[in-house]
Amino acid sequence: MRKQTIQYTTPLDALIAIAKRLSLLEQEQKMASEEFFNQYSQGKLPDDARFIEWANDYRHYLSLRHELDTKLKHAA
Protein backbone atom coordinates (compact mmCIF):
# COMPACT_ATOMS: atom_id res chain seq x y z
CA MET A 1 0.00 0.00 0.00
CA ARG A 2 1.39 3.37 -1.00
CA LYS A 3 1.15 6.14 1.57
CA GLN A 4 -0.42 9.36 0.35
CA THR A 5 0.30 12.76 1.86
CA ILE A 6 -2.31 15.48 1.56
CA GLN A 7 -1.64 19.04 2.65
CA TYR A 8 -4.44 21.36 3.68
CA THR A 9 -4.45 25.14 3.78
CA THR A 10 -5.93 25.36 7.27
CA PRO A 11 -6.67 23.02 10.18
CA LEU A 12 -10.36 23.61 9.50
CA ASP A 13 -9.96 22.33 5.91
CA ALA A 14 -8.22 19.24 7.27
CA LEU A 15 -10.93 18.71 9.88
CA ILE A 16 -13.68 18.88 7.26
CA ALA A 17 -11.87 16.42 4.97
CA ILE A 18 -11.26 13.95 7.79
CA ALA A 19 -14.85 14.28 9.04
CA LYS A 20 -16.06 13.35 5.55
CA ARG A 21 -13.79 10.29 5.47
CA LEU A 22 -14.96 9.26 8.94
CA SER A 23 -18.59 9.64 7.90
CA LEU A 24 -18.05 7.34 4.91
CA LEU A 25 -16.39 4.72 7.11
CA GLU A 26 -19.18 4.97 9.68
CA GLN A 27 -21.80 4.38 6.99
CA GLU A 28 -19.83 1.53 5.48
CA GLN A 29 -19.21 -0.21 8.82
CA LYS A 30 -22.51 0.86 10.46
CA MET A 31 -20.63 2.06 13.53
CA ALA A 32 -19.77 5.48 14.95
CA SER A 33 -16.07 6.35 14.89
CA GLU A 34 -15.99 6.78 18.67
CA GLU A 35 -17.42 3.29 19.20
CA PHE A 36 -15.09 1.84 16.57
CA PHE A 37 -12.07 3.48 18.21
CA ASN A 38 -13.03 2.20 21.66
CA GLN A 39 -13.37 -1.35 20.36
CA TYR A 40 -10.22 -1.09 18.23
CA SER A 41 -8.20 0.28 21.15
CA GLN A 42 -9.33 -2.62 23.31
CA GLY A 43 -8.15 -5.13 20.69
CA LYS A 44 -11.68 -6.26 19.83
CA LEU A 45 -11.20 -5.54 16.11
CA PRO A 46 -8.49 -6.81 13.75
CA ASP A 47 -5.48 -4.78 12.65
CA ASP A 48 -6.36 -4.79 8.98
CA ALA A 49 -5.30 -1.85 6.81
CA ARG A 50 -8.78 -0.29 6.67
CA PHE A 51 -9.15 -0.27 10.46
CA ILE A 52 -5.63 1.10 10.96
CA GLU A 53 -6.43 3.98 8.60
CA TRP A 54 -9.75 4.59 10.36
CA ALA A 55 -8.04 4.67 13.78
CA ASN A 56 -5.38 7.07 12.48
CA ASP A 57 -8.01 9.32 10.90
CA TYR A 58 -9.97 9.38 14.15
CA ARG A 59 -6.84 10.26 16.17
CA HIS A 60 -6.07 13.04 13.70
CA TYR A 61 -9.68 14.25 13.91
CA LEU A 62 -9.48 14.43 17.72
CA SER A 63 -6.15 16.26 17.54
CA LEU A 64 -7.48 18.84 15.08
CA ARG A 65 -10.64 19.36 17.14
CA HIS A 66 -8.51 19.98 20.22
CA GLU A 67 -6.27 22.40 18.30
CA LEU A 68 -9.23 24.36 16.93
CA ASP A 69 -11.02 24.40 20.31
CA THR A 70 -7.91 25.81 21.94
CA LYS A 71 -7.50 28.50 19.29
CA LEU A 72 -11.16 29.50 19.61
CA LYS A 73 -10.92 29.77 23.40
CA HIS A 74 -7.87 32.04 23.08
CA ALA A 75 -9.57 34.16 20.44
CA ALA A 76 -12.65 34.82 22.57
PDB file of N, CA and C in Angstrom:
ATOM      1  N   MET A   1       0.840  -1.167   0.000  1.00  0.00           N
ATOM      2  CA  MET A   1       0.000   0.000   0.000  1.00  0.00           C
ATOM      3  C   MET A   1       0.891   1.237   0.000  1.00  0.00           C
ATOM      4  N   ARG A   2       0.614   2.148  -0.885  1.00  0.00           N
ATOM      5  CA  ARG A   2       1.393   3.372  -1.001  1.00  0.00           C
ATOM      6  C   ARG A   2       0.772   4.461  -0.131  1.00  0.00           C
ATOM      7  N   LYS A   3       1.613   5.090   0.672  1.00  0.00           N
ATOM      8  CA  LYS A   3       1.148   6.135   1.569  1.00  0.00           C
ATOM      9  C   LYS A   3       0.979   7.433   0.784  1.00  0.00           C
ATOM     10  N   GLN A   4      -0.126   8.116   1.036  1.00  0.00           N
ATOM     11  CA  GLN A   4      -0.423   9.362   0.348  1.00  0.00           C
ATOM     12  C   GLN A   4      -0.408  10.500   1.364  1.00  0.00           C
ATOM     13  N   THR A   5       0.256  11.587   1.004  1.00  0.00           N
ATOM     14  CA  THR A   5       0.298  12.764   1.862  1.00  0.00           C
ATOM     15  C   THR A   5      -0.536  13.861   1.222  1.00  0.00           C
ATOM     16  N   ILE A   6      -1.460  14.388   2.021  1.00  0.00           N
ATOM     17  CA  ILE A   6      -2.310  15.477   1.560  1.00  0.00           C
ATOM     18  C   ILE A   6      -2.054  16.673   2.459  1.00  0.00           C
ATOM     19  N   GLN A   7      -1.848  17.829   1.869  1.00  0.00           N
ATOM     20  CA  GLN A   7      -1.639  19.039   2.648  1.00  0.00           C
ATOM     21  C   GLN A   7      -2.863  19.932   2.517  1.00  0.00           C
ATOM     22  N   TYR A   8      -3.281  20.484   3.648  1.00  0.00           N
ATOM     23  CA  TYR A   8      -4.443  21.360   3.678  1.00  0.00           C
ATOM     24  C   TYR A   8      -3.998  22.778   4.009  1.00  0.00           C
ATOM     25  N   THR A   9      -4.771  23.732   3.560  1.00  0.00           N
ATOM     26  CA  THR A   9      -4.451  25.136   3.778  1.00  0.00           C
ATOM     27  C   THR A   9      -4.616  25.522   5.245  1.00  0.00           C
ATOM     28  N   THR A  10      -5.658  25.011   5.878  1.00  0.00           N
ATOM     29  CA  THR A  10      -5.931  25.356   7.275  1.00  0.00           C
ATOM     30  C   THR A  10      -6.312  24.097   8.050  1.00  0.00           C
ATOM     31  N   PRO A  11      -6.196  24.152   9.378  1.00  0.00           N
ATOM     32  CA  PRO A  11      -6.665  23.018  10.182  1.00  0.00           C
ATOM     33  C   PRO A  11      -8.161  22.749   9.978  1.00  0.00           C
ATOM     34  N   LEU A  12      -8.930  23.796   9.730  1.00  0.00           N
ATOM     35  CA  LEU A  12     -10.359  23.613   9.496  1.00  0.00           C
ATOM     36  C   LEU A  12     -10.605  22.818   8.216  1.00  0.00           C
ATOM     37  N   ASP A  13      -9.852  23.109   7.160  1.00  0.00           N
ATOM     38  CA  ASP A  13      -9.963  22.330   5.915  1.00  0.00           C
ATOM     39  C   ASP A  13      -9.645  20.857   6.167  1.00  0.00           C
ATOM     40  N   ALA A  14      -8.605  20.619   6.949  1.00  0.00           N
ATOM     41  CA  ALA A  14      -8.219  19.243   7.270  1.00  0.00           C
ATOM     42  C   ALA A  14      -9.306  18.561   8.080  1.00  0.00           C
ATOM     43  N   LEU A  15      -9.875  19.277   9.045  1.00  0.00           N
ATOM     44  CA  LEU A  15     -10.930  18.709   9.882  1.00  0.00           C
ATOM     45  C   LEU A  15     -12.145  18.319   9.042  1.00  0.00           C
ATOM     46  N   ILE A  16     -12.525  19.165   8.126  1.00  0.00           N
ATOM     47  CA  ILE A  16     -13.676  18.878   7.264  1.00  0.00           C
ATOM     48  C   ILE A  16     -13.406  17.644   6.399  1.00  0.00           C
ATOM     49  N   ALA A  17     -12.224  17.567   5.819  1.00  0.00           N
ATOM     50  CA  ALA A  17     -11.875  16.417   4.971  1.00  0.00           C
ATOM     51  C   ALA A  17     -11.871  15.118   5.774  1.00  0.00           C
ATOM     52  N   ILE A  18     -11.305  15.163   6.959  1.00  0.00           N
ATOM     53  CA  ILE A  18     -11.259  13.953   7.791  1.00  0.00           C
ATOM     54  C   ILE A  18     -12.658  13.579   8.261  1.00  0.00           C
ATOM     55  N   ALA A  19     -13.473  14.560   8.617  1.00  0.00           N
ATOM     56  CA  ALA A  19     -14.850  14.277   9.043  1.00  0.00           C
ATOM     57  C   ALA A  19     -15.631  13.588   7.921  1.00  0.00           C
ATOM     58  N   LYS A  20     -15.395  13.998   6.690  1.00  0.00           N
ATOM     59  CA  LYS A  20     -16.059  13.350   5.551  1.00  0.00           C
ATOM     60  C   LYS A  20     -15.610  11.898   5.415  1.00  0.00           C
ATOM     61  N   ARG A  21     -14.296  11.665   5.547  1.00  0.00           N
ATOM     62  CA  ARG A  21     -13.789  10.286   5.469  1.00  0.00           C
ATOM     63  C   ARG A  21     -14.370   9.435   6.595  1.00  0.00           C
ATOM     64  N   LEU A  22     -14.411   9.997   7.807  1.00  0.00           N
ATOM     65  CA  LEU A  22     -14.958   9.261   8.942  1.00  0.00           C
ATOM     66  C   LEU A  22     -16.432   8.926   8.708  1.00  0.00           C
ATOM     67  N   SER A  23     -17.169   9.871   8.166  1.00  0.00           N
ATOM     68  CA  SER A  23     -18.588   9.643   7.896  1.00  0.00           C
ATOM     69  C   SER A  23     -18.784   8.487   6.914  1.00  0.00           C
ATOM     70  N   LEU A  24     -17.964   8.434   5.878  1.00  0.00           N
ATOM     71  CA  LEU A  24     -18.053   7.336   4.910  1.00  0.00           C
ATOM     72  C   LEU A  24     -17.753   5.991   5.569  1.00  0.00           C
ATOM     73  N   LEU A  25     -16.730   5.959   6.414  1.00  0.00           N
ATOM     74  CA  LEU A  25     -16.389   4.718   7.108  1.00  0.00           C
ATOM     75  C   LEU A  25     -17.493   4.296   8.065  1.00  0.00           C
ATOM     76  N   GLU A  26     -18.083   5.267   8.757  1.00  0.00           N
ATOM     77  CA  GLU A  26     -19.179   4.969   9.681  1.00  0.00           C
ATOM     78  C   GLU A  26     -20.373   4.367   8.941  1.00  0.00           C
ATOM     79  N   GLN A  27     -20.690   4.922   7.787  1.00  0.00           N
ATOM     80  CA  GLN A  27     -21.796   4.385   6.991  1.00  0.00           C
ATOM     81  C   GLN A  27     -21.474   2.981   6.488  1.00  0.00           C
ATOM     82  N   GLU A  28     -20.259   2.821   6.020  1.00  0.00           N
ATOM     83  CA  GLU A  28     -19.828   1.528   5.478  1.00  0.00           C
ATOM     84  C   GLU A  28     -19.838   0.440   6.552  1.00  0.00           C
ATOM     85  N   GLN A  29     -19.343   0.770   7.737  1.00  0.00           N
ATOM     86  CA  GLN A  29     -19.213  -0.212   8.818  1.00  0.00           C
ATOM     87  C   GLN A  29     -20.406  -0.217   9.774  1.00  0.00           C
ATOM     88  N   LYS A  30     -21.330   0.746   9.594  1.00  0.00           N
ATOM     89  CA  LYS A  30     -22.509   0.864  10.458  1.00  0.00           C
ATOM     90  C   LYS A  30     -22.118   0.965  11.935  1.00  0.00           C
ATOM     91  N   MET A  31     -21.133   1.865  12.172  1.00  0.00           N
ATOM     92  CA  MET A  31     -20.627   2.063  13.532  1.00  0.00           C
ATOM     93  C   MET A  31     -20.055   3.470  13.631  1.00  0.00           C
ATOM     94  N   ALA A  32     -20.335   4.149  14.727  1.00  0.00           N
ATOM     95  CA  ALA A  32     -19.768   5.477  14.951  1.00  0.00           C
ATOM     96  C   ALA A  32     -18.261   5.361  15.158  1.00  0.00           C
ATOM     97  N   SER A  33     -17.533   6.374  14.759  1.00  0.00           N
ATOM     98  CA  SER A  33     -16.074   6.353  14.894  1.00  0.00           C
ATOM     99  C   SER A  33     -15.635   6.223  16.348  1.00  0.00           C
ATOM    100  N   GLU A  34     -16.340   6.880  17.243  1.00  0.00           N
ATOM    101  CA  GLU A  34     -15.985   6.784  18.667  1.00  0.00           C
ATOM    102  C   GLU A  34     -16.118   5.345  19.165  1.00  0.00           C
ATOM    103  N   GLU A  35     -17.216   4.691  18.812  1.00  0.00           N
ATOM    104  CA  GLU A  35     -17.421   3.291  19.204  1.00  0.00           C
ATOM    105  C   GLU A  35     -16.377   2.395  18.550  1.00  0.00           C
ATOM    106  N   PHE A  36     -16.131   2.610  17.252  1.00  0.00           N
ATOM    107  CA  PHE A  36     -15.091   1.839  16.570  1.00  0.00           C
ATOM    108  C   PHE A  36     -13.765   1.982  17.298  1.00  0.00           C
ATOM    109  N   PHE A  37     -13.378   3.227  17.595  1.00  0.00           N
ATOM    110  CA  PHE A  37     -12.070   3.478  18.205  1.00  0.00           C
ATOM    111  C   PHE A  37     -11.966   2.825  19.578  1.00  0.00           C
ATOM    112  N   ASN A  38     -13.046   2.867  20.347  1.00  0.00           N
ATOM    113  CA  ASN A  38     -13.028   2.203  21.658  1.00  0.00           C
ATOM    114  C   ASN A  38     -12.810   0.704  21.496  1.00  0.00           C
ATOM    115  N   GLN A  39     -13.530   0.083  20.584  1.00  0.00           N
ATOM    116  CA  GLN A  39     -13.372  -1.353  20.356  1.00  0.00           C
ATOM    117  C   GLN A  39     -11.993  -1.680  19.791  1.00  0.00           C
ATOM    118  N   TYR A  40     -11.536  -0.875  18.848  1.00  0.00           N
ATOM    119  CA  TYR A  40     -10.224  -1.095  18.226  1.00  0.00           C
ATOM    120  C   TYR A  40      -9.111  -0.969  19.273  1.00  0.00           C
ATOM    121  N   SER A  41      -9.214   0.049  20.121  1.00  0.00           N
ATOM    122  CA  SER A  41      -8.195   0.281  21.150  1.00  0.00           C
ATOM    123  C   SER A  41      -8.142  -0.845  22.174  1.00  0.00           C
ATOM    124  N   GLN A  42      -9.268  -1.510  22.367  1.00  0.00           N
ATOM    125  CA  GLN A  42      -9.327  -2.624  23.313  1.00  0.00           C
ATOM    126  C   GLN A  42      -8.942  -3.955  22.665  1.00  0.00           C
ATOM    127  N   GLY A  43      -8.575  -3.909  21.386  1.00  0.00           N
ATOM    128  CA  GLY A  43      -8.153  -5.127  20.689  1.00  0.00           C
ATOM    129  C   GLY A  43      -9.307  -6.018  20.250  1.00  0.00           C
ATOM    130  N   LYS A  44     -10.512  -5.462  20.217  1.00  0.00           N
ATOM    131  CA  LYS A  44     -11.680  -6.257  19.835  1.00  0.00           C
ATOM    132  C   LYS A  44     -11.877  -6.328  18.322  1.00  0.00           C
ATOM    133  N   LEU A  45     -11.107  -5.542  17.574  1.00  0.00           N
ATOM    134  CA  LEU A  45     -11.195  -5.537  16.113  1.00  0.00           C
ATOM    135  C   LEU A  45      -9.824  -5.836  15.532  1.00  0.00           C
ATOM    136  N   PRO A  46      -9.778  -6.446  14.350  1.00  0.00           N
ATOM    137  CA  PRO A  46      -8.486  -6.815  13.751  1.00  0.00           C
ATOM    138  C   PRO A  46      -7.682  -5.602  13.286  1.00  0.00           C
ATOM    139  N   ASP A  47      -6.391  -5.825  13.130  1.00  0.00           N
ATOM    140  CA  ASP A  47      -5.484  -4.777  12.646  1.00  0.00           C
ATOM    141  C   ASP A  47      -5.343  -4.831  11.131  1.00  0.00           C
ATOM    142  N   ASP A  48      -6.473  -4.831  10.432  1.00  0.00           N
ATOM    143  CA  ASP A  48      -6.360  -4.794   8.978  1.00  0.00           C
ATOM    144  C   ASP A  48      -6.139  -3.350   8.531  1.00  0.00           C
ATOM    145  N   ALA A  49      -5.705  -3.174   7.305  1.00  0.00           N
ATOM    146  CA  ALA A  49      -5.301  -1.849   6.807  1.00  0.00           C
ATOM    147  C   ALA A  49      -6.420  -0.823   6.926  1.00  0.00           C
ATOM    148  N   ARG A  50      -7.642  -1.234   6.637  1.00  0.00           N
ATOM    149  CA  ARG A  50      -8.780  -0.292   6.669  1.00  0.00           C
ATOM    150  C   ARG A  50      -9.021   0.219   8.092  1.00  0.00           C
ATOM    151  N   PHE A  51      -8.938  -0.676   9.079  1.00  0.00           N
ATOM    152  CA  PHE A  51      -9.146  -0.270  10.461  1.00  0.00           C
ATOM    153  C   PHE A  51      -7.986   0.576  10.982  1.00  0.00           C
ATOM    154  N   ILE A  52      -6.782   0.276  10.556  1.00  0.00           N
ATOM    155  CA  ILE A  52      -5.630   1.096  10.959  1.00  0.00           C
ATOM    156  C   ILE A  52      -5.795   2.514  10.433  1.00  0.00           C
ATOM    157  N   GLU A  53      -6.203   2.648   9.175  1.00  0.00           N
ATOM    158  CA  GLU A  53      -6.434   3.978   8.597  1.00  0.00           C
ATOM    159  C   GLU A  53      -7.555   4.706   9.334  1.00  0.00           C
ATOM    160  N   TRP A  54      -8.621   3.986   9.652  1.00  0.00           N
ATOM    161  CA  TRP A  54      -9.749   4.589  10.365  1.00  0.00           C
ATOM    162  C   TRP A  54      -9.287   5.091  11.736  1.00  0.00           C
ATOM    163  N   ALA A  55      -8.543   4.276  12.453  1.00  0.00           N
ATOM    164  CA  ALA A  55      -8.039   4.673  13.776  1.00  0.00           C
ATOM    165  C   ALA A  55      -7.132   5.902  13.670  1.00  0.00           C
ATOM    166  N   ASN A  56      -6.265   5.911  12.673  1.00  0.00           N
ATOM    167  CA  ASN A  56      -5.381   7.066  12.482  1.00  0.00           C
ATOM    168  C   ASN A  56      -6.166   8.319  12.116  1.00  0.00           C
ATOM    169  N   ASP A  57      -7.158   8.168  11.248  1.00  0.00           N
ATOM    170  CA  ASP A  57      -8.005   9.316  10.900  1.00  0.00           C
ATOM    171  C   ASP A  57      -8.739   9.844  12.129  1.00  0.00           C
ATOM    172  N   TYR A  58      -9.233   8.942  12.962  1.00  0.00           N
ATOM    173  CA  TYR A  58      -9.968   9.379  14.149  1.00  0.00           C
ATOM    174  C   TYR A  58      -9.034  10.090  15.134  1.00  0.00           C
ATOM    175  N   ARG A  59      -7.823   9.564  15.312  1.00  0.00           N
ATOM    176  CA  ARG A  59      -6.837  10.256  16.174  1.00  0.00           C
ATOM    177  C   ARG A  59      -6.532  11.649  15.632  1.00  0.00           C
ATOM    178  N   HIS A  60      -6.355  11.748  14.331  1.00  0.00           N
ATOM    179  CA  HIS A  60      -6.068  13.037  13.702  1.00  0.00           C
ATOM    180  C   HIS A  60      -7.250  13.978  13.880  1.00  0.00           C
ATOM    181  N   TYR A  61      -8.458  13.469  13.708  1.00  0.00           N
ATOM    182  CA  TYR A  61      -9.678  14.250  13.911  1.00  0.00           C
ATOM    183  C   TYR A  61      -9.721  14.814  15.336  1.00  0.00           C
ATOM    184  N   LEU A  62      -9.461  13.976  16.328  1.00  0.00           N
ATOM    185  CA  LEU A  62      -9.477  14.433  17.718  1.00  0.00           C
ATOM    186  C   LEU A  62      -8.405  15.492  17.963  1.00  0.00           C
ATOM    187  N   SER A  63      -7.241  15.296  17.387  1.00  0.00           N
ATOM    188  CA  SER A  63      -6.153  16.260  17.540  1.00  0.00           C
ATOM    189  C   SER A  63      -6.515  17.616  16.926  1.00  0.00           C
ATOM    190  N   LEU A  64      -7.077  17.589  15.737  1.00  0.00           N
ATOM    191  CA  LEU A  64      -7.480  18.837  15.077  1.00  0.00           C
ATOM    192  C   LEU A  64      -8.605  19.530  15.844  1.00  0.00           C
ATOM    193  N   ARG A  65      -9.551  18.758  16.345  1.00  0.00           N
ATOM    194  CA  ARG A  65     -10.638  19.357  17.140  1.00  0.00           C
ATOM    195  C   ARG A  65     -10.075  20.052  18.372  1.00  0.00           C
ATOM    196  N   HIS A  66      -9.140  19.396  19.026  1.00  0.00           N
ATOM    197  CA  HIS A  66      -8.514  19.984  20.215  1.00  0.00           C
ATOM    198  C   HIS A  66      -7.777  21.270  19.849  1.00  0.00           C
ATOM    199  N   GLU A  67      -7.020  21.224  18.756  1.00  0.00           N
ATOM    200  CA  GLU A  67      -6.270  22.401  18.296  1.00  0.00           C
ATOM    201  C   GLU A  67      -7.212  23.567  17.997  1.00  0.00           C
ATOM    202  N   LEU A  68      -8.284  23.294  17.279  1.00  0.00           N
ATOM    203  CA  LEU A  68      -9.234  24.356  16.926  1.00  0.00           C
ATOM    204  C   LEU A  68      -9.984  24.867  18.154  1.00  0.00           C
ATOM    205  N   ASP A  69     -10.365  23.978  19.060  1.00  0.00           N
ATOM    206  CA  ASP A  69     -11.024  24.401  20.305  1.00  0.00           C
ATOM    207  C   ASP A  69     -10.136  25.333  21.109  1.00  0.00           C
ATOM    208  N   THR A  70      -8.862  24.989  21.193  1.00  0.00           N
ATOM    209  CA  THR A  70      -7.906  25.806  21.936  1.00  0.00           C
ATOM    210  C   THR A  70      -7.759  27.186  21.303  1.00  0.00           C
ATOM    211  N   LYS A  71      -7.640  27.223  19.990  1.00  0.00           N
ATOM    212  CA  LYS A  71      -7.503  28.495  19.294  1.00  0.00           C
ATOM    213  C   LYS A  71      -8.753  29.369  19.472  1.00  0.00           C
ATOM    214  N   LEU A  72      -9.919  28.740  19.434  1.00  0.00           N
ATOM    215  CA  LEU A  72     -11.160  29.496  19.613  1.00  0.00           C
ATOM    216  C   LEU A  72     -11.282  30.050  21.033  1.00  0.00           C
ATOM    217  N   LYS A  73     -10.861  29.293  22.012  1.00  0.00           N
ATOM    218  CA  LYS A  73     -10.920  29.774  23.398  1.00  0.00           C
ATOM    219  C   LYS A  73      -9.990  30.967  23.593  1.00  0.00           C
ATOM    220  N   HIS A  74      -8.828  30.931  22.953  1.00  0.00           N
ATOM    221  CA  HIS A  74      -7.872  32.036  23.083  1.00  0.00           C
ATOM    222  C   HIS A  74      -8.318  33.260  22.308  1.00  0.00           C
ATOM    223  N   ALA A  75      -9.109  33.053  21.265  1.00  0.00           N
ATOM    224  CA  ALA A  75      -9.572  34.163  20.438  1.00  0.00           C
ATOM    225  C   ALA A  75     -10.753  34.907  21.073  1.00  0.00           C
ATOM    226  N   ALA A  76     -11.443  34.219  21.962  1.00  0.00           N
ATOM    227  CA  ALA A  76     -12.654  34.817  22.566  1.00  0.00           C
ATOM    228  C   ALA A  76     -12.359  35.781  23.649  1.00  0.00           C
TER     229      ALA A  76
END
